[in-house]
Protein backbone atom coordinates (compact mmCIF):
# COMPACT_ATOMS: atom_id res chain seq x y z
CA MET A 1 -26.64 73.67 -12.36
CA GLY A 2 -26.34 71.26 -15.51
CA TRP A 3 -26.41 68.21 -13.51
CA SER A 4 -28.27 65.16 -15.11
CA GLU A 5 -28.96 61.70 -13.76
CA GLU A 6 -26.30 59.07 -14.61
CA ARG A 7 -23.62 61.68 -14.92
CA ALA A 8 -20.67 61.53 -12.57
CA ILE A 9 -19.83 64.73 -10.39
CA GLY A 10 -16.38 66.08 -10.50
CA ARG A 11 -13.88 67.01 -13.15
CA ASN A 12 -14.51 64.36 -15.18
CA PRO A 13 -18.19 64.11 -15.22
CA ASP A 14 -18.04 61.89 -18.49
CA GLN A 15 -16.80 58.86 -17.00
CA LYS A 16 -18.94 56.17 -15.66
CA PRO A 17 -20.52 56.51 -12.29
CA MET A 18 -19.46 54.67 -9.55
CA LYS A 19 -22.07 51.94 -8.16
CA PRO A 20 -22.12 51.35 -4.07
CA ILE A 21 -21.32 47.84 -3.09
CA GLN A 22 -22.10 46.15 -0.10
CA TYR A 23 -19.22 44.03 2.06
CA VAL A 24 -19.80 40.37 2.80
CA PRO A 25 -17.54 39.46 5.50
CA ARG A 26 -15.87 35.70 5.45
CA HIS A 27 -16.22 33.31 7.89
CA HIS A 28 -14.92 34.04 11.72
CA ARG A 29 -10.99 33.78 11.14
CA ALA A 30 -11.21 32.12 7.60
CA GLY A 31 -8.23 33.33 6.01
CA LEU A 32 -7.71 34.25 1.94
CA GLY A 33 -8.13 30.91 -0.02
CA ALA A 34 -10.10 29.21 2.97
CA VAL A 35 -12.62 26.63 1.81
CA PRO A 36 -15.28 26.47 4.47
CA LYS A 37 -16.72 23.03 5.85
CA GLU A 38 -19.94 22.25 5.15
CA ILE A 39 -22.33 23.34 7.74
CA ILE A 40 -25.36 21.14 8.67
CA LEU A 41 -28.36 23.87 9.47
CA SER A 42 -30.60 22.96 12.10
CA LYS A 43 -34.47 23.95 12.15
CA GLY A 44 -35.02 27.77 12.47
CA GLN A 45 -31.03 28.30 11.66
CA LYS A 46 -30.41 31.15 8.83
CA LYS A 47 -29.18 29.67 6.11
CA ASP A 48 -25.24 30.14 4.84
CA LEU A 49 -25.64 33.34 2.46
CA VAL A 50 -22.54 34.54 0.34
CA ALA A 51 -21.71 36.91 -2.73
CA PRO A 52 -22.43 34.86 -5.95
CA THR A 53 -19.43 34.18 -8.07
CA ASP A 54 -18.09 35.55 -11.29
CA LYS A 55 -18.64 33.99 -14.78
CA ASP A 56 -15.16 32.92 -14.36
CA GLY A 57 -15.85 30.88 -10.61
CA LYS A 58 -13.86 33.52 -8.61
CA VAL A 59 -15.56 34.31 -5.17
CA ARG A 60 -15.91 37.79 -4.28
CA ASN A 61 -16.84 39.21 -0.71
CA TYR A 62 -19.05 42.15 -1.96
CA ILE A 63 -22.02 42.32 -3.85
CA ASN A 64 -23.44 45.34 -6.10
CA ILE A 65 -26.50 47.41 -4.78
CA ASP A 66 -28.59 45.35 -7.60
CA GLU A 67 -27.29 41.90 -6.26
CA GLU A 68 -28.75 39.48 -3.46
CA LEU A 69 -26.65 37.26 -1.49
CA VAL A 70 -27.40 33.46 -2.53
CA GLU A 71 -27.26 30.37 -0.59
CA ARG A 72 -23.30 28.88 -0.49
CA LYS A 73 -23.26 25.72 -2.45
CA VAL A 74 -21.99 22.50 -0.67
CA LEU A 75 -19.08 21.09 -1.38
CA LYS A 76 -19.56 17.40 -2.46
CA ILE A 77 -18.50 14.94 -4.98
CA GLU A 78 -20.47 15.52 -8.57
CA ASN A 79 -20.00 14.91 -11.98
CA GLY A 80 -16.89 17.17 -13.26
CA VAL A 81 -15.27 17.91 -9.79
CA LYS A 82 -11.46 16.76 -9.07
CA VAL A 83 -11.16 14.05 -6.34
CA VAL A 84 -8.23 12.16 -4.88
CA VAL A 85 -8.06 8.42 -4.08
CA ILE A 86 -7.73 7.99 -0.48
CA GLU A 87 -8.12 3.96 0.17
CA GLY A 88 -6.92 1.05 -2.23
CA VAL A 89 -4.51 0.31 -4.40
CA HIS A 90 -4.70 3.51 -6.33
CA LYS A 91 -4.57 5.66 -3.49
CA ASP A 92 -3.26 9.38 -3.83
CA LEU A 93 -4.03 9.11 -7.28
CA VAL A 94 -5.99 12.22 -8.83
CA GLY A 95 -8.95 12.35 -11.30
CA LYS A 96 -12.50 13.66 -12.18
CA VAL A 97 -15.51 12.46 -11.94
CA LYS A 98 -17.52 11.59 -14.86
CA GLU A 99 -20.18 9.46 -14.03
CA ILE A 100 -21.80 8.88 -10.45
CA ASN A 101 -24.07 5.75 -9.41
CA ASP A 102 -25.71 7.20 -6.39
CA VAL A 103 -27.79 3.19 -5.96
CA ARG A 104 -24.23 1.21 -5.96
CA GLY A 105 -22.55 3.89 -4.40
CA ASP A 106 -19.64 4.18 -6.94
CA CYS A 107 -18.50 6.33 -9.70
CA ILE A 108 -16.49 6.38 -12.68
CA ILE A 109 -13.38 8.69 -12.54
CA GLU A 110 -10.70 9.55 -15.28
CA LEU A 111 -7.46 9.65 -14.01
CA ASP A 112 -4.98 12.39 -14.71
CA ILE A 113 -1.85 10.65 -14.93
CA ASN A 114 -3.04 8.67 -18.18
CA GLN A 115 -6.83 9.34 -18.88
CA GLN A 116 -7.99 5.99 -17.84
CA ASN A 117 -11.43 5.29 -16.21
CA LEU A 118 -11.93 3.64 -13.11
CA LYS A 119 -14.63 2.45 -11.22
CA MET A 120 -14.25 3.75 -7.37
CA PRO A 121 -16.70 3.59 -4.27
CA LEU A 122 -17.65 7.14 -3.28
CA SER A 123 -16.38 5.91 0.62
CA ASN A 124 -12.52 5.91 -1.13
CA LEU A 125 -12.59 9.54 -2.68
CA LYS A 126 -12.38 12.91 -1.30
CA LEU A 127 -12.81 16.51 -3.25
CA LYS A 128 -9.16 17.39 -4.12
CA VAL A 129 -9.93 21.20 -2.62
CA LEU A 130 -10.53 19.66 0.70
CA HIS A 131 -7.43 17.26 0.33
CA ASP A 132 -5.08 19.90 -0.53
CA GLN A 133 -6.59 22.22 2.25
CA GLU A 134 -6.29 19.34 4.83
CA LEU A 135 -2.32 18.98 3.48
CA GLU A 136 -1.60 22.45 4.11
CA GLU A 137 -3.27 22.49 7.88
CA MET A 138 -0.63 19.61 8.79
CA LYS A 139 2.16 21.29 7.07
CA SER A 140 1.36 24.36 9.17
CA GLY A 141 0.40 22.70 12.43
CA GLY A 142 3.81 22.14 13.86
CA GLN A 143 4.82 24.04 16.57
CA PRO A 144 7.67 27.07 15.39
CA GLN A 145 11.16 26.32 16.83
CA ASP A 146 12.46 28.39 19.60
CA THR A 147 15.57 30.36 18.25
CA GLU A 148 16.08 32.18 21.50
CA ASN A 149 18.76 29.82 22.93
CA THR A 150 20.95 31.10 25.75
CA GLU A 151 24.87 30.81 24.54
CA GLU A 152 25.46 27.55 27.13
CA ASP A 153 22.45 26.04 25.05
CA GLU A 154 24.30 26.70 22.08
CA VAL A 155 27.55 25.73 22.98
CA ASP A 156 25.98 21.96 24.34
CA GLU A 157 24.50 21.76 20.84
CA GLN A 158 27.99 21.94 19.11
CA ASP A 159 29.62 19.35 21.51
CA ALA A 160 26.67 17.18 20.99
CA ILE A 161 27.16 17.38 17.12
CA SER A 162 30.75 17.12 17.49
CA ASP A 163 30.34 13.75 19.70
CA LYS A 164 28.06 12.27 17.27
CA SER A 165 29.45 13.30 14.12
CA LYS A 166 31.33 10.36 13.60
CA GLY A 167 28.53 8.02 14.24
CA ILE A 168 26.36 9.91 11.81
CA LYS A 169 29.10 9.33 9.22
CA LYS A 170 28.98 5.50 9.37
CA ALA A 171 24.90 5.22 9.43
CA LYS A 172 25.15 7.57 6.18
CA LYS A 173 27.36 4.83 4.62
CA LYS A 174 25.58 2.01 5.70
CA LYS A 175 22.03 3.83 4.33
CA ASP A 176 23.99 4.75 1.36
CA ALA A 177 25.20 1.05 0.94
CA LYS A 178 21.25 -0.22 1.33
CA GLU A 179 19.89 2.28 -1.06
CA LYS A 180 22.43 0.60 -3.40
CA ASP A 181 21.68 -2.36 -3.33
CA LYS A 182 17.89 -1.84 -3.63
CA LYS A 183 18.59 -0.36 -7.17
CA LYS A 184 20.26 -3.20 -8.38
CA LYS A 185 17.98 -4.62 -10.56
CA LYS A 186 16.43 -8.39 -9.35
CA LYS A 187 16.57 -11.23 -11.78
CA LEU A 188 13.01 -12.19 -13.31
CA LYS A 189 11.30 -15.26 -11.40
CA TRP A 190 7.74 -15.67 -12.75
CA VAL A 191 7.39 -13.64 -15.94
CA LYS A 192 6.83 -15.86 -18.67
CA PRO A 193 6.03 -15.03 -22.63
CA GLN A 194 2.30 -14.94 -23.88
CA ILE A 195 0.69 -14.34 -20.13
CA ARG A 196 -1.51 -11.42 -19.51
CA VAL A 197 -0.29 -8.99 -16.68
CA ARG A 198 -1.33 -5.54 -15.31
CA VAL A 199 1.07 -2.51 -15.33
CA VAL A 200 1.09 -1.28 -11.40
CA SER A 201 4.28 1.54 -11.71
CA ARG A 202 3.01 4.97 -11.82
CA LYS A 203 6.51 5.90 -12.70
CA TYR A 204 7.21 3.89 -15.85
CA LYS A 205 6.78 6.12 -18.68
CA ASP A 206 5.62 8.61 -16.46
CA GLY A 207 2.40 6.60 -15.51
CA LYS A 208 0.83 6.46 -18.93
CA TYR A 209 0.64 2.78 -18.80
CA TYR A 210 -0.56 2.42 -15.19
CA ASN A 211 -3.60 0.03 -14.73
CA THR A 212 -3.07 -1.25 -18.16
CA LYS A 213 -3.36 -5.00 -19.06
CA VAL A 214 -0.62 -6.01 -21.44
CA VAL A 215 0.75 -9.29 -22.67
CA VAL A 216 4.10 -10.23 -22.49
CA THR A 217 5.76 -10.80 -25.83
CA ASP A 218 9.41 -11.30 -25.35
CA ILE A 219 11.96 -11.78 -22.53
CA LEU A 220 14.97 -9.21 -23.03
CA ASP A 221 17.50 -10.43 -20.76
CA LYS A 222 17.57 -11.65 -17.51
CA TYR A 223 16.42 -8.53 -15.58
CA SER A 224 13.57 -7.09 -18.17
CA PHE A 225 10.75 -8.18 -20.90
CA ALA A 226 8.78 -6.58 -23.22
CA ALA A 227 4.83 -6.64 -23.50
CA MET A 228 2.15 -5.17 -25.99
CA THR A 229 -1.11 -3.07 -24.94
CA PRO A 230 -4.12 -3.63 -26.51
CA LYS A 231 -3.75 -0.35 -29.03
CA MET A 232 -0.64 -2.56 -30.44
CA GLU A 233 1.92 -0.27 -28.38
CA LEU A 234 5.27 -2.07 -27.61
CA LEU A 235 6.76 -1.48 -24.21
CA ASP A 236 10.17 -2.44 -23.42
CA ASP A 237 12.59 -2.51 -20.52
CA LEU A 238 9.62 -3.57 -18.06
CA ARG A 239 10.58 -5.53 -14.93
CA GLU A 240 8.58 -7.51 -12.28
CA LYS A 241 8.12 -4.77 -9.81
CA ASP A 242 6.26 -3.00 -12.74
CA ILE A 243 3.42 -5.72 -12.79
CA GLU A 244 1.22 -8.03 -11.51
CA THR A 245 -0.76 -10.90 -12.54
CA VAL A 246 -4.51 -10.44 -13.21
CA MET A 247 -7.60 -12.58 -13.11
CA PRO A 248 -8.21 -14.93 -16.27
CA SER A 249 -11.74 -14.75 -17.64
CA LYS A 250 -13.96 -18.03 -17.47
CA GLY A 251 -12.77 -20.19 -20.07
CA GLU A 252 -9.25 -19.09 -21.01
CA ILE A 253 -6.03 -21.23 -20.69
CA ILE A 254 -4.06 -20.54 -17.82
CA LEU A 255 -0.27 -21.03 -16.97
CA ILE A 256 1.02 -22.10 -13.57
CA ILE A 257 4.36 -19.71 -12.96
CA ASN A 258 4.99 -20.75 -9.60
């Protein structure tokens, strides 16, 4: 009939033949993009097999006829993965693991906010992909509101809103007044020239100098001061709320500020 192996059948016999595939189902009730939790297998239990990932890291739900299933890679903290700090003064910051010390139980991470290295206990870290998934679950965990209210219910709600409108306006004014008071600059109390401090504000200069030790160079006014970084960068308009004192090294001269 003119057909040969590796030649397609149909109107376009010169096109590449389609290869059959085998569907690999997801975990039960797992939606698109879901990250399965770690499965601890007991003796005799079958391994958790999945389709191999593509070169670009994408997960497939099928395998070609010449492929085999592979054991699912267990998500864990290792070099190169993104993590979130879940405890301590650096809580909620995101970074990439650069080095792990299993003996001490800690690691060095590079912060996304300013590319500085921090040594953190492994117990204070969580994989970012798992942290983000938990946040999504918390957001979607609330019960939907009942929109099928009767006419009487709607009237009652309107009356309640009308009765409380004056009280709400007063409360809002008080809240706005408090927020304005908070935004007022506070006078410097303990900052002195030539002392070394650490920047702890995540908002100052978009966090570029977070956790950086600087030396106070000049008092600009009653509310702000200037400081110099180890890279000889001059920082101005710093305030006391942006910094904290640091523990001096042994043998250094100290200044009693309070």
